[in-house]
C-alpha atoms as a PDB file:
ATOM      1  CA  MET A   1     -13.616  30.239 -22.965  1.00  0.00           C
ATOM      2  CA  SER A   2     -11.242  29.974 -25.546  1.00  0.00           C
ATOM      3  CA  GLY A   3      -9.706  27.004 -27.104  1.00  0.00           C
ATOM      4  CA  ASP A   4     -13.641  24.698 -25.961  1.00  0.00           C
ATOM      5  CA  THR A   5     -15.549  23.006 -28.135  1.00  0.00           C
ATOM      6  CA  GLN A   6     -18.672  20.729 -27.468  1.00  0.00           C
ATOM      7  CA  THR A   7     -19.992  17.701 -28.917  1.00  0.00           C
ATOM      8  CA  SER A   8     -22.546  15.390 -28.616  1.00  0.00           C
ATOM      9  CA  LEU A   9     -22.563  11.223 -29.256  1.00  0.00           C
ATOM     10  CA  SER A  10     -26.012   8.967 -30.196  1.00  0.00           C
ATOM     11  CA  PHE A  11     -26.245   5.979 -29.035  1.00  0.00           C
ATOM     12  CA  GLU A  12     -28.833   3.969 -30.182  1.00  0.00           C
ATOM     13  CA  ASP A  13     -29.190   0.646 -28.146  1.00  0.00           C
ATOM     14  CA  HIS A  14     -30.917   2.101 -24.954  1.00  0.00           C
ATOM     15  CA  ASP A  15     -29.720  -0.782 -22.629  1.00  0.00           C
ATOM     16  CA  ALA A  16     -26.022  -0.394 -24.023  1.00  0.00           C
ATOM     17  CA  MET A  17     -26.748   3.264 -23.168  1.00  0.00           C
ATOM     18  CA  ARG A  18     -27.578   2.684 -19.833  1.00  0.00           C
ATOM     19  CA  ALA A  19     -25.127   0.686 -18.487  1.00  0.00           C
ATOM     20  CA  LEU A  20     -22.826   2.968 -20.329  1.00  0.00           C
ATOM     21  CA  LEU A  21     -24.439   5.704 -17.924  1.00  0.00           C
ATOM     22  CA  GLY A  22     -23.894   3.887 -14.859  1.00  0.00           C
ATOM     23  CA  ALA A  23     -26.663   4.110 -12.114  1.00  0.00           C
ATOM     24  CA  ARG A  24     -27.744   7.493 -11.880  1.00  0.00           C
ATOM     25  CA  ASP A  25     -25.030   8.906 -14.027  1.00  0.00           C
ATOM     26  CA  ALA A  26     -22.486   7.377 -12.089  1.00  0.00           C
ATOM     27  CA  HIS A  27     -19.843   6.373 -14.664  1.00  0.00           C
ATOM     28  CA  LEU A  28     -20.341   9.260 -17.049  1.00  0.00           C
ATOM     29  CA  ARG A  29     -20.050  11.671 -13.727  1.00  0.00           C
ATOM     30  CA  LEU A  30     -16.404   9.747 -12.892  1.00  0.00           C
ATOM     31  CA  LEU A  31     -15.274   9.853 -16.597  1.00  0.00           C
ATOM     32  CA  ALA A  32     -16.192  14.165 -16.917  1.00  0.00           C
ATOM     33  CA  GLN A  33     -14.471  14.773 -13.644  1.00  0.00           C
ATOM     34  CA  ALA A  34     -11.249  12.503 -14.995  1.00  0.00           C
ATOM     35  CA  ALA A  35     -11.178  13.556 -18.273  1.00  0.00           C
ATOM     36  CA  GLY A  36     -12.162  17.540 -17.104  1.00  0.00           C
ATOM     37  CA  VAL A  37     -15.103  18.536 -18.738  1.00  0.00           C
ATOM     38  CA  ALA A  38     -18.840  19.105 -18.577  1.00  0.00           C
ATOM     39  CA  ALA A  39     -21.045  16.060 -19.646  1.00  0.00           C
ATOM     40  CA  ARG A  40     -24.883  15.753 -19.401  1.00  0.00           C
ATOM     41  CA  ALA A  41     -27.311  12.883 -20.878  1.00  0.00           C
ATOM     42  CA  ARG A  42     -30.633  13.414 -22.511  1.00  0.00           C
ATOM     43  CA  GLY A  43     -32.340  10.865 -24.526  1.00  0.00           C
ATOM     44  CA  ASP A  44     -29.898   8.900 -26.815  1.00  0.00           C
ATOM     45  CA  GLN A  45     -27.639  11.378 -26.649  1.00  0.00           C
ATOM     46  CA  ILE A  46     -24.096  12.289 -24.265  1.00  0.00           C
ATOM     47  CA  SER A  47     -23.254  16.116 -24.655  1.00  0.00           C
ATOM     48  CA  LEU A  48     -19.547  16.919 -23.948  1.00  0.00           C
ATOM     49  CA  SER A  49     -18.330  20.457 -23.554  1.00  0.00           C
ATOM     50  CA  GLY A  50     -14.688  21.533 -22.462  1.00  0.00           C
ATOM     51  CA  PRO A  51     -10.562  21.393 -23.989  1.00  0.00           C
ATOM     52  CA  LYS A  52     -11.021  20.327 -27.134  1.00  0.00           C
ATOM     53  CA  GLU A  53      -8.638  17.563 -26.384  1.00  0.00           C
ATOM     54  CA  ALA A  54     -10.058  15.798 -23.574  1.00  0.00           C
ATOM     55  CA  VAL A  55     -13.484  16.524 -25.136  1.00  0.00           C
ATOM     56  CA  GLU A  56     -11.839  14.045 -27.780  1.00  0.00           C
ATOM     57  CA  LEU A  57     -10.502  11.593 -25.312  1.00  0.00           C
ATOM     58  CA  ALA A  58     -13.765  11.546 -23.449  1.00  0.00           C
ATOM     59  CA  SER A  59     -15.820  10.698 -26.697  1.00  0.00           C
ATOM     60  CA  LEU A  60     -13.309   7.826 -27.475  1.00  0.00           C
ATOM     61  CA  ALA A  61     -13.568   6.720 -24.085  1.00  0.00           C
ATOM     62  CA  LEU A  62     -17.755   6.245 -24.066  1.00  0.00           C
ATOM     63  CA  SER A  63     -17.421   5.474 -27.668  1.00  0.00           C
ATOM     64  CA  GLN A  64     -14.982   2.299 -26.645  1.00  0.00           C
ATOM     65  CA  LEU A  65     -16.983   1.254 -23.477  1.00  0.00           C
ATOM     66  CA  TYR A  66     -20.455   1.500 -25.354  1.00  0.00           C
ATOM     67  CA  GLY A  67     -19.213  -0.957 -27.796  1.00  0.00           C
ATOM     68  CA  LEU A  68     -17.408  -3.365 -25.423  1.00  0.00           C
ATOM     69  CA  ILE A  69     -21.185  -3.244 -23.480  1.00  0.00           C
ATOM     70  CA  GLN A  70     -22.570  -3.684 -26.913  1.00  0.00           C
ATOM     71  CA  GLN A  71     -20.140  -7.804 -27.175  1.00  0.00           C
ATOM     72  CA  GLY A  72     -21.590  -8.065 -23.649  1.00  0.00           C
ATOM     73  CA  TYR A  73     -19.163  -6.875 -20.770  1.00  0.00           C
ATOM     74  CA  PRO A  74     -20.181  -5.640 -17.066  1.00  0.00           C
ATOM     75  CA  VAL A  75     -18.954  -2.408 -17.439  1.00  0.00           C
ATOM     76  CA  TYR A  76     -18.208  -1.353 -13.929  1.00  0.00           C
ATOM     77  CA  GLU A  77     -16.990   2.447 -12.426  1.00  0.00           C
ATOM     78  CA  MET A  78     -13.290   1.045 -12.023  1.00  0.00           C
ATOM     79  CA  ASP A  79     -13.319  -0.049 -15.928  1.00  0.00           C
ATOM     80  CA  VAL A  80     -14.415   3.974 -16.777  1.00  0.00           C
ATOM     81  CA  ASP A  81     -11.506   4.840 -14.684  1.00  0.00           C
ATOM     82  CA  PHE A  82      -9.131   2.186 -16.121  1.00  0.00           C
ATOM     83  CA  ALA A  83     -10.337   2.950 -19.917  1.00  0.00           C
ATOM     84  CA  TYR A  84     -10.007   6.847 -18.936  1.00  0.00           C
ATOM     85  CA  ARG A  85      -6.248   6.013 -17.967  1.00  0.00           C
ATOM     86  CA  ILE A  86      -5.414   3.526 -20.856  1.00  0.00           C
ATOM     87  CA  LEU A  87      -6.444   5.739 -23.358  1.00  0.00           C
ATOM     88  CA  ALA A  88      -4.836   8.902 -22.098  1.00  0.00           C
ATOM     89  CA  GLY A  89      -1.219   6.982 -21.855  1.00  0.00           C
ATOM     90  CA  ASP A  90      -1.989   6.404 -25.160  1.00  0.00           C
ATOM     91  CA  PRO A  91      -5.246   7.291 -27.669  1.00  0.00           C
ATOM     92  CA  GLY A  92      -4.512   4.084 -30.241  1.00  0.00           C
ATOM     93  CA  ALA A  93      -5.091   1.804 -27.226  1.00  0.00           C
ATOM     94  CA  GLN A  94      -8.444  -0.447 -28.663  1.00  0.00           C
ATOM     95  CA  LEU A  95      -9.860  -1.106 -25.456  1.00  0.00           C
ATOM     96  CA  LYS A  96     -12.113  -4.351 -26.773  1.00  0.00           C
ATOM     97  CA  ASP A  97      -7.928  -6.099 -27.113  1.00  0.00           C
ATOM     98  CA  ILE A  98      -7.552  -5.489 -23.167  1.00  0.00           C
ATOM     99  CA  PHE A  99     -10.432  -5.783 -21.710  1.00  0.00           C
ATOM    100  CA  LEU A 100     -12.006  -8.695 -23.922  1.00  0.00           C
ATOM    101  CA  ASP A 101      -8.663 -10.710 -22.862  1.00  0.00           C
ATOM    102  CA  GLN A 102     -10.881 -13.131 -20.315  1.00  0.00           C
ATOM    103  CA  VAL A 103      -7.738 -15.115 -18.297  1.00  0.00           C
ATOM    104  CA  TYR A 104     -10.452 -17.163 -15.812  1.00  0.00           C
ATOM    105  CA  LEU A 105     -14.250 -17.276 -15.749  1.00  0.00           C
ATOM    106  CA  THR A 106     -14.478 -18.005 -11.388  1.00  0.00           C
ATOM    107  CA  GLY A 107     -16.688 -20.151  -9.960  1.00  0.00           C
ATOM    108  CA  LYS A 108     -18.461 -16.544  -8.644  1.00  0.00           C
ATOM    109  CA  ASN A 109     -18.990 -16.251 -12.191  1.00  0.00           C
ATOM    110  CA  ARG A 110     -16.677 -13.245 -12.159  1.00  0.00           C
ATOM    111  CA  ILE A 111     -14.173 -12.300 -15.012  1.00  0.00           C
ATOM    112  CA  ILE A 112     -10.734 -11.975 -14.739  1.00  0.00           C
ATOM    113  CA  SER A 113      -9.049 -10.127 -17.305  1.00  0.00           C
ATOM    114  CA  PRO A 114      -6.134  -7.502 -17.777  1.00  0.00           C
ATOM    115  CA  LYS A 115      -7.048  -3.724 -17.009  1.00  0.00           C
ATOM    116  CA  THR A 116      -4.182  -2.079 -18.185  1.00  0.00           C
ATOM    117  CA  MET A 117      -1.761  -2.228 -20.810  1.00  0.00           C
ATOM    118  CA  ASN A 118       1.380  -4.052 -18.339  1.00  0.00           C
ATOM    119  CA  GLN A 119      -1.241  -6.280 -17.358  1.00  0.00           C
ATOM    120  CA  LYS A 120      -2.166  -6.851 -20.969  1.00  0.00           C
ATOM    121  CA  ALA A 121       1.792  -7.266 -21.726  1.00  0.00           C
ATOM    122  CA  TYR A 122       2.041  -9.248 -18.841  1.00  0.00           C
ATOM    123  CA  LEU A 123      -0.280 -12.192 -19.744  1.00  0.00           C
ATOM    124  CA  GLU A 124       1.128 -12.391 -22.831  1.00  0.00           C
ATOM    125  CA  ALA A 125       4.706 -12.731 -21.515  1.00  0.00           C
ATOM    126  CA  MET A 126       3.199 -15.329 -19.465  1.00  0.00           C
ATOM    127  CA  ARG A 127       1.736 -17.516 -22.269  1.00  0.00           C
ATOM    128  CA  ALA A 128       4.654 -17.061 -24.721  1.00  0.00           C
ATOM    129  CA  LYS A 129       7.507 -17.760 -22.190  1.00  0.00           C
ATOM    130  CA  ASP A 130       8.115 -20.039 -19.211  1.00  0.00           C
ATOM    131  CA  ILE A 131       9.182 -17.918 -16.690  1.00  0.00           C
ATOM    132  CA  VAL A 132       8.230 -14.497 -16.072  1.00  0.00           C
ATOM    133  CA  PHE A 133       9.056 -11.854 -13.490  1.00  0.00           C
ATOM    134  CA  GLY A 134       6.093  -9.208 -12.198  1.00  0.00           C
ATOM    135  CA  ILE A 135       8.087  -6.784 -10.576  1.00  0.00           C
ATOM    136  CA  GLY A 136       5.697  -3.055  -9.658  1.00  0.00           C
ATOM    137  CA  PRO A 137       4.257  -1.906  -6.270  1.00  0.00           C
ATOM    138  CA  ALA A 138       1.239  -3.757  -4.492  1.00  0.00           C
ATOM    139  CA  GLY A 139      -2.278  -3.563  -6.410  1.00  0.00           C
ATOM    140  CA  THR A 140      -0.591  -3.853  -9.476  1.00  0.00           C
ATOM    141  CA  GLY A 141      -2.411  -7.284 -10.499  1.00  0.00           C
ATOM    142  CA  LYS A 142       0.535  -9.432 -10.020  1.00  0.00           C
ATOM    143  CA  THR A 143       0.260 -12.176  -7.729  1.00  0.00           C
ATOM    144  CA  TYR A 144      -3.955 -11.999  -8.814  1.00  0.00           C
ATOM    145  CA  LEU A 145      -3.093 -12.676 -12.716  1.00  0.00           C
ATOM    146  CA  ALA A 146      -0.867 -14.772 -12.639  1.00  0.00           C
ATOM    147  CA  MET A 147      -2.451 -17.169  -9.675  1.00  0.00           C
ATOM    148  CA  ALA A 148      -5.649 -16.856 -12.474  1.00  0.00           C
ATOM    149  CA  MET A 149      -3.434 -18.341 -15.444  1.00  0.00           C
ATOM    150  CA  ALA A 150      -1.886 -20.942 -13.024  1.00  0.00           C
ATOM    151  CA  VAL A 151      -5.677 -21.829 -12.553  1.00  0.00           C
ATOM    152  CA  ASP A 152      -6.776 -22.078 -15.956  1.00  0.00           C
ATOM    153  CA  ALA A 153      -4.060 -23.677 -17.488  1.00  0.00           C
ATOM    154  CA  LEU A 154      -4.528 -26.218 -14.188  1.00  0.00           C
ATOM    155  CA  LEU A 155      -8.553 -26.693 -15.432  1.00  0.00           C
ATOM    156  CA  LYS A 156      -7.386 -27.027 -18.955  1.00  0.00           C
ATOM    157  CA  GLY A 157      -5.398 -29.866 -18.313  1.00  0.00           C
ATOM    158  CA  GLU A 158      -2.144 -28.105 -19.731  1.00  0.00           C
ATOM    159  CA  VAL A 159      -0.431 -28.872 -16.323  1.00  0.00           C
ATOM    160  CA  ASP A 160      -1.075 -31.667 -13.927  1.00  0.00           C
ATOM    161  CA  ARG A 161      -0.098 -29.410 -10.491  1.00  0.00           C
ATOM    162  CA  ILE A 162      -0.260 -25.825  -9.357  1.00  0.00           C
ATOM    163  CA  VAL A 163       2.960 -24.916  -6.116  1.00  0.00           C
ATOM    164  CA  LEU A 164       2.154 -20.704  -4.739  1.00  0.00           C
ATOM    165  CA  ALA A 165       5.381 -19.825  -2.911  1.00  0.00           C
ATOM    166  CA  ARG A 166       6.401 -17.256  -0.711  1.00  0.00           C
ATOM    167  CA  PRO A 167       9.270 -16.300   1.435  1.00  0.00           C
ATOM    168  CA  ALA A 168       8.534 -16.410   5.264  1.00  0.00           C
ATOM    169  CA  VAL A 169      11.518 -13.657   5.308  1.00  0.00           C
ATOM    170  CA  GLU A 170      10.409 -12.598   9.523  1.00  0.00           C
ATOM    171  CA  ALA A 171      10.524 -16.551  10.279  1.00  0.00           C
ATOM    172  CA  GLY A 172      13.739 -17.099   7.902  1.00  0.00           C
ATOM    173  CA  GLU A 173      15.181 -20.643   7.977  1.00  0.00           C
ATOM    174  CA  LYS A 174      14.043 -21.079  11.147  1.00  0.00           C
ATOM    175  CA  LEU A 175      10.463 -21.964  11.251  1.00  0.00           C
ATOM    176  CA  GLY A 176      11.204 -24.053  14.441  1.00  0.00           C
ATOM    177  CA  PHE A 177      10.776 -20.920  16.531  1.00  0.00           C
ATOM    178  CA  LEU A 178       7.434 -20.362  15.617  1.00  0.00           C
ATOM    179  CA  PRO A 179       5.004 -21.795  18.471  1.00  0.00           C
ATOM    180  CA  GLY A 180       2.284 -24.423  16.988  1.00  0.00           C
ATOM    181  CA  ASP A 181       3.040 -26.938  14.285  1.00  0.00           C
ATOM    182  CA  LEU A 182       4.571 -26.488  10.958  1.00  0.00           C
ATOM    183  CA  ALA A 183       0.952 -25.250   9.199  1.00  0.00           C
ATOM    184  CA  GLU A 184       0.669 -22.847  12.093  1.00  0.00           C
ATOM    185  CA  LYS A 185       4.138 -21.680  11.602  1.00  0.00           C
ATOM    186  CA  VAL A 186       4.166 -20.712   8.153  1.00  0.00           C
ATOM    187  CA  ASN A 187       0.470 -20.142   7.641  1.00  0.00           C
ATOM    188  CA  PRO A 188       0.347 -16.070   8.201  1.00  0.00           C
ATOM    189  CA  TYR A 189       3.524 -15.723   5.665  1.00  0.00           C
ATOM    190  CA  LEU A 190       0.821 -17.896   3.128  1.00  0.00           C
ATOM    191  CA  ARG A 191      -2.320 -16.194   4.000  1.00  0.00           C
ATOM    192  CA  PRO A 192      -2.667 -14.072   0.675  1.00  0.00           C
ATOM    193  CA  LEU A 193      -2.270 -16.814  -1.396  1.00  0.00           C
ATOM    194  CA  TYR A 194      -4.805 -18.846   0.506  1.00  0.00           C
ATOM    195  CA  ASP A 195      -7.135 -16.049   0.246  1.00  0.00           C
ATOM    196  CA  ALA A 196      -6.448 -15.139  -3.273  1.00  0.00           C
ATOM    197  CA  LEU A 197      -6.772 -18.592  -4.499  1.00  0.00           C
ATOM    198  CA  HIS A 198     -10.308 -18.769  -2.766  1.00  0.00           C
ATOM    199  CA  ASP A 199     -11.735 -15.735  -4.244  1.00  0.00           C
ATOM    200  CA  MET A 200     -10.630 -17.765  -8.182  1.00  0.00           C
ATOM    201  CA  MET A 201     -12.083 -21.306  -7.168  1.00  0.00           C
ATOM    202  CA  ASP A 202     -15.088 -22.385  -4.782  1.00  0.00           C
ATOM    203  CA  PHE A 203     -13.347 -23.392  -0.903  1.00  0.00           C
ATOM    204  CA  ASP A 204     -14.621 -27.148  -1.011  1.00  0.00           C
ATOM    205  CA  LYS A 205     -13.255 -27.538  -4.384  1.00  0.00           C
ATOM    206  CA  ALA A 206      -9.912 -25.827  -3.710  1.00  0.00           C
ATOM    207  CA  SER A 207      -9.589 -27.865  -0.341  1.00  0.00           C
ATOM    208  CA  ARG A 208     -10.169 -30.974  -2.395  1.00  0.00           C
ATOM    209  CA  LEU A 209      -7.329 -30.309  -4.685  1.00  0.00           C
ATOM    210  CA  MET A 210      -5.217 -28.963  -2.445  1.00  0.00           C
ATOM    211  CA  ASN A 211      -5.560 -32.176  -0.102  1.00  0.00           C
ATOM    212  CA  LYS A 212      -5.004 -34.437  -3.026  1.00  0.00           C
ATOM    213  CA  GLY A 213      -1.502 -32.249  -3.430  1.00  0.00           C
ATOM    214  CA  VAL A 214      -3.195 -30.622  -7.033  1.00  0.00           C
ATOM    215  CA  ILE A 215      -2.389 -27.849  -5.508  1.00  0.00           C
ATOM    216  CA  GLU A 216       0.596 -26.565  -3.062  1.00  0.00           C
ATOM    217  CA  VAL A 217       1.007 -23.428  -1.138  1.00  0.00           C
ATOM    218  CA  ALA A 218       4.000 -23.645   0.918  1.00  0.00           C
ATOM    219  CA  PRO A 219       7.492 -21.560   2.357  1.00  0.00           C
ATOM    220  CA  LEU A 220       9.962 -20.591  -0.534  1.00  0.00           C
ATOM    221  CA  ALA A 221      12.794 -23.158   1.884  1.00  0.00           C
ATOM    222  CA  PHE A 222      10.604 -25.794   1.175  1.00  0.00           C
ATOM    223  CA  MET A 223      11.633 -26.128  -2.635  1.00  0.00           C
ATOM    224  CA  ARG A 224      14.995 -27.370  -2.073  1.00  0.00           C
ATOM    225  CA  GLY A 225      16.058 -30.547  -3.398  1.00  0.00           C
ATOM    226  CA  ARG A 226      12.548 -30.651  -5.794  1.00  0.00           C
ATOM    227  CA  THR A 227      12.148 -30.715  -9.800  1.00  0.00           C
ATOM    228  CA  LEU A 228       8.412 -29.790 -10.719  1.00  0.00           C
ATOM    229  CA  ASN A 229       6.740 -31.094 -13.690  1.00  0.00           C
ATOM    230  CA  SER A 230       4.165 -30.405 -15.765  1.00  0.00           C
ATOM    231  CA  ALA A 231       3.526 -27.814 -13.017  1.00  0.00           C
ATOM    232  CA  PHE A 232       2.698 -23.723 -12.957  1.00  0.00           C
ATOM    233  CA  VAL A 233       4.365 -22.075 -10.274  1.00  0.00           C
ATOM    234  CA  VAL A 234       4.430 -18.961  -8.524  1.00  0.00           C
ATOM    235  CA  LEU A 235       6.756 -17.100  -6.480  1.00  0.00           C
ATOM    236  CA  ASP A 236       5.349 -14.098  -4.749  1.00  0.00           C
ATOM    237  CA  GLU A 237       6.752 -11.171  -2.486  1.00  0.00           C
ATOM    238  CA  ALA A 238      10.212 -12.671  -4.912  1.00  0.00           C
ATOM    239  CA  GLN A 239      12.199  -9.361  -3.521  1.00  0.00           C
ATOM    240  CA  ASN A 240      12.310 -10.963   0.229  1.00  0.00           C
ATOM    241  CA  SER A 241      14.359 -14.138  -1.648  1.00  0.00           C
ATOM    242  CA  THR A 242      18.188 -14.519  -1.388  1.00  0.00           C
ATOM    243  CA  SER A 243      20.380 -14.755  -3.987  1.00  0.00           C
ATOM    244  CA  GLU A 244      20.540 -18.418  -3.420  1.00  0.00           C
ATOM    245  CA  GLN A 245      17.536 -18.873  -2.617  1.00  0.00           C
ATOM    246  CA  MET A 246      16.064 -17.438  -6.420  1.00  0.00           C
ATOM    247  CA  LYS A 247      18.947 -19.400  -8.129  1.00  0.00           C
ATOM    248  CA  MET A 248      17.826 -22.377  -6.284  1.00  0.00           C
ATOM    249  CA  PHE A 249      14.105 -21.656  -6.982  1.00  0.00           C
ATOM    250  CA  LEU A 250      14.778 -20.858 -10.499  1.00  0.00           C
ATOM    251  CA  THR A 251      16.501 -24.468 -10.813  1.00  0.00           C
ATOM    252  CA  ARG A 252      13.615 -26.149  -9.661  1.00  0.00           C
ATOM    253  CA  LEU A 253      11.776 -26.069 -13.037  1.00  0.00           C
ATOM    254  CA  GLY A 254      11.061 -29.310 -15.079  1.00  0.00           C
ATOM    255  CA  PHE A 255       9.304 -30.148 -17.996  1.00  0.00           C
ATOM    256  CA  ASP A 256       6.317 -28.483 -19.348  1.00  0.00           C
ATOM    257  CA  SER A 257       6.545 -26.185 -16.503  1.00  0.00           C
ATOM    258  CA  LYS A 258       6.129 -22.610 -16.288  1.00  0.00           C
ATOM    259  CA  ALA A 259       7.481 -20.018 -13.698  1.00  0.00           C
ATOM    260  CA  VAL A 260       6.239 -16.667 -12.922  1.00  0.00           C
ATOM    261  CA  ILE A 261       7.575 -14.950 -10.434  1.00  0.00           C
ATOM    262  CA  THR A 262       6.804 -11.806  -8.916  1.00  0.00           C
ATOM    263  CA  GLY A 263       7.613  -8.703  -6.679  1.00  0.00           C
ATOM    264  CA  ASP A 264       8.320  -4.836  -5.363  1.00  0.00           C
ATOM    265  CA  VAL A 265      11.783  -3.922  -5.583  1.00  0.00           C
ATOM    266  CA  THR A 266      11.534  -0.818  -2.925  1.00  0.00           C
ATOM    267  CA  GLN A 267       9.954  -3.297  -0.452  1.00  0.00           C
ATOM    268  CA  VAL A 268      12.615  -5.764   0.913  1.00  0.00           C
ATOM    269  CA  ASP A 269      12.464  -7.272   4.217  1.00  0.00           C
ATOM    270  CA  LEU A 270      15.749  -8.920   3.954  1.00  0.00           C
ATOM    271  CA  PRO A 271      18.266  -7.602   6.819  1.00  0.00           C
ATOM    272  CA  GLY A 272      20.901  -5.106   5.924  1.00  0.00           C
ATOM    273  CA  GLY A 273      23.383  -5.439   3.122  1.00  0.00           C
ATOM    274  CA  VAL A 274      21.698  -8.862   1.802  1.00  0.00           C
ATOM    275  CA  ILE A 275      20.883  -8.118  -1.873  1.00  0.00           C
ATOM    276  CA  SER A 276      17.235  -9.322  -2.904  1.00  0.00           C
ATOM    277  CA  GLY A 277      17.178 -12.041  -5.372  1.00  0.00           C
ATOM    278  CA  LEU A 278      14.770 -10.316  -7.535  1.00  0.00           C
ATOM    279  CA  VAL A 279      16.827  -7.716  -7.804  1.00  0.00           C
ATOM    280  CA  ARG A 280      19.866  -9.706  -8.827  1.00  0.00           C
ATOM    281  CA  ALA A 281      18.000 -12.207 -10.786  1.00  0.00           C
ATOM    282  CA  ARG A 282      17.170  -8.812 -13.103  1.00  0.00           C
ATOM    283  CA  GLN A 283      20.725  -8.059 -13.173  1.00  0.00           C
ATOM    284  CA  ILE A 284      21.799 -11.529 -13.895  1.00  0.00           C
ATOM    285  CA  LEU A 285      18.873 -12.971 -16.621  1.00  0.00           C
ATOM    286  CA  SER A 286      17.875  -9.910 -18.712  1.00  0.00           C
ATOM    287  CA  ASN A 287      19.114 -11.159 -21.707  1.00  0.00           C
ATOM    288  CA  ILE A 288      18.315 -14.641 -21.802  1.00  0.00           C
ATOM    289  CA  GLU A 289      15.515 -15.249 -24.311  1.00  0.00           C
ATOM    290  CA  GLY A 290      12.680 -16.827 -23.059  1.00  0.00           C
ATOM    291  CA  ILE A 291      12.754 -15.108 -19.913  1.00  0.00           C
ATOM    292  CA  GLY A 292      10.408 -12.220 -19.508  1.00  0.00           C
ATOM    293  CA  PHE A 293      10.249  -9.662 -17.432  1.00  0.00           C
ATOM    294  CA  VAL A 294       7.135  -6.648 -16.980  1.00  0.00           C
ATOM    295  CA  ASP A 295       7.333  -3.691 -14.818  1.00  0.00           C
ATOM    296  CA  PHE A 296       4.482  -2.383 -13.367  1.00  0.00           C
ATOM    297  CA  ASP A 297       4.006   1.213 -11.998  1.00  0.00           C
ATOM    298  CA  GLU A 298       1.631   3.067  -9.738  1.00  0.00           C
ATOM    299  CA  ARG A 299      -1.219   3.377 -12.714  1.00  0.00           C
ATOM    300  CA  ASP A 300      -1.739  -0.495 -13.076  1.00  0.00           C
ATOM    301  CA  VAL A 301      -3.198  -0.359  -9.278  1.00  0.00           C
ATOM    302  CA  VAL A 302      -6.184  -1.881  -9.478  1.00  0.00           C
ATOM    303  CA  ARG A 303      -7.521  -0.980  -5.985  1.00  0.00           C
ATOM    304  CA  HIS A 304      -8.691   2.214  -4.000  1.00  0.00           C
ATOM    305  CA  HIS A 305      -7.961   5.139  -6.192  1.00  0.00           C
ATOM    306  CA  LEU A 306      -6.538   6.510  -3.092  1.00  0.00           C
ATOM    307  CA  VAL A 307      -3.662   3.336  -3.018  1.00  0.00           C
ATOM    308  CA  ARG A 308      -1.963   5.214  -6.301  1.00  0.00           C
ATOM    309  CA  GLN A 309      -2.170   8.279  -5.092  1.00  0.00           C
ATOM    310  CA  ILE A 310      -0.266   6.780  -1.984  1.00  0.00           C
ATOM    311  CA  ILE A 311       2.531   4.914  -3.905  1.00  0.00           C
ATOM    312  CA  ARG A 312       3.229   8.611  -5.936  1.00  0.00           C
ATOM    313  CA  ALA A 313       3.481   9.938  -2.532  1.00  0.00           C
ATOM    314  CA  TYR A 314       5.676   7.360  -1.185  1.00  0.00           C
ATOM    315  CA  ASP A 315       7.867   7.591  -3.890  1.00  0.00           C
ATOM    316  CA  ALA A 316       7.991  11.633  -4.216  1.00  0.00           C
ATOM    317  CA  VAL A 317      10.433  11.760  -0.991  1.00  0.00           C
ATOM    318  CA  GLY A 318      11.952   8.183  -1.346  1.00  0.00           C
ATOM    319  CA  ASN A 319      11.998   4.350  -0.540  1.00  0.00           C
ATOM    320  CA  GLY A 320      12.728   5.437   3.475  1.00  0.00           C
ATOM    321  CA  ALA A 321      10.207   7.773   4.052  1.00  0.00           C
END
């Protein structure tokens, strides 16, 4: 075909080469499919053929992934996908600056690190600013990365406590109408925060810290009247807070504290006519120095690859679909 080209890359580190290819060359096949090129591995060489720009992009991804592996980064299939997407958006990007930015090493020895340019920007905003808003669709790592930063800050002694909050929209302020004791009433709305916490920390350790009040998971309504000093505070699903609740939450922040607010403004569950506190906060606070806003989109989704396509399909027909 006219315009097609062919190139070969040599990789002298055989162990790194095997990791680069993946089991049964799964990584190479994934990259070739994403880039729209033909790829073949033989010995210490990988041959690529196809449209010139596609071959150059695939070569760039392979070279940078190989460099990551040589620096000890364990590359998985999703990393290959992320790497290609990052470089397709910005061929000048350096994967090592993103993937090697280790946020936290979980009790399961799993490295939590950014996988997209926006995730990297989000981490840098959380490090530099005391209040950060992460806004975008589900699965983009907004809450997960915020919680990883919170746990890391706690274990390093940078804060004395973590407070994780969520609006209990369906129950509103009327939690008493739900069956069971207080914990049973609010648990369904807070379960995702517990799940993320236990993914980062041994269950027993997390339970001990919660029993001591070092880690607190609570509905947003319970933040009223408090001042949170030396705390890392995360408000999740903030699109379901009212403007008054958002103001109340933001003014809880005390000395030596950070607040991260996450939400998806396309998934507001508030009653009709009630303006989302997250939407209003952006309108009011976007020009205040020291407050950061980071936007995510479907390109940042780090769940199953079909989730990106689902988000894109719904966006195409409008939010009311």
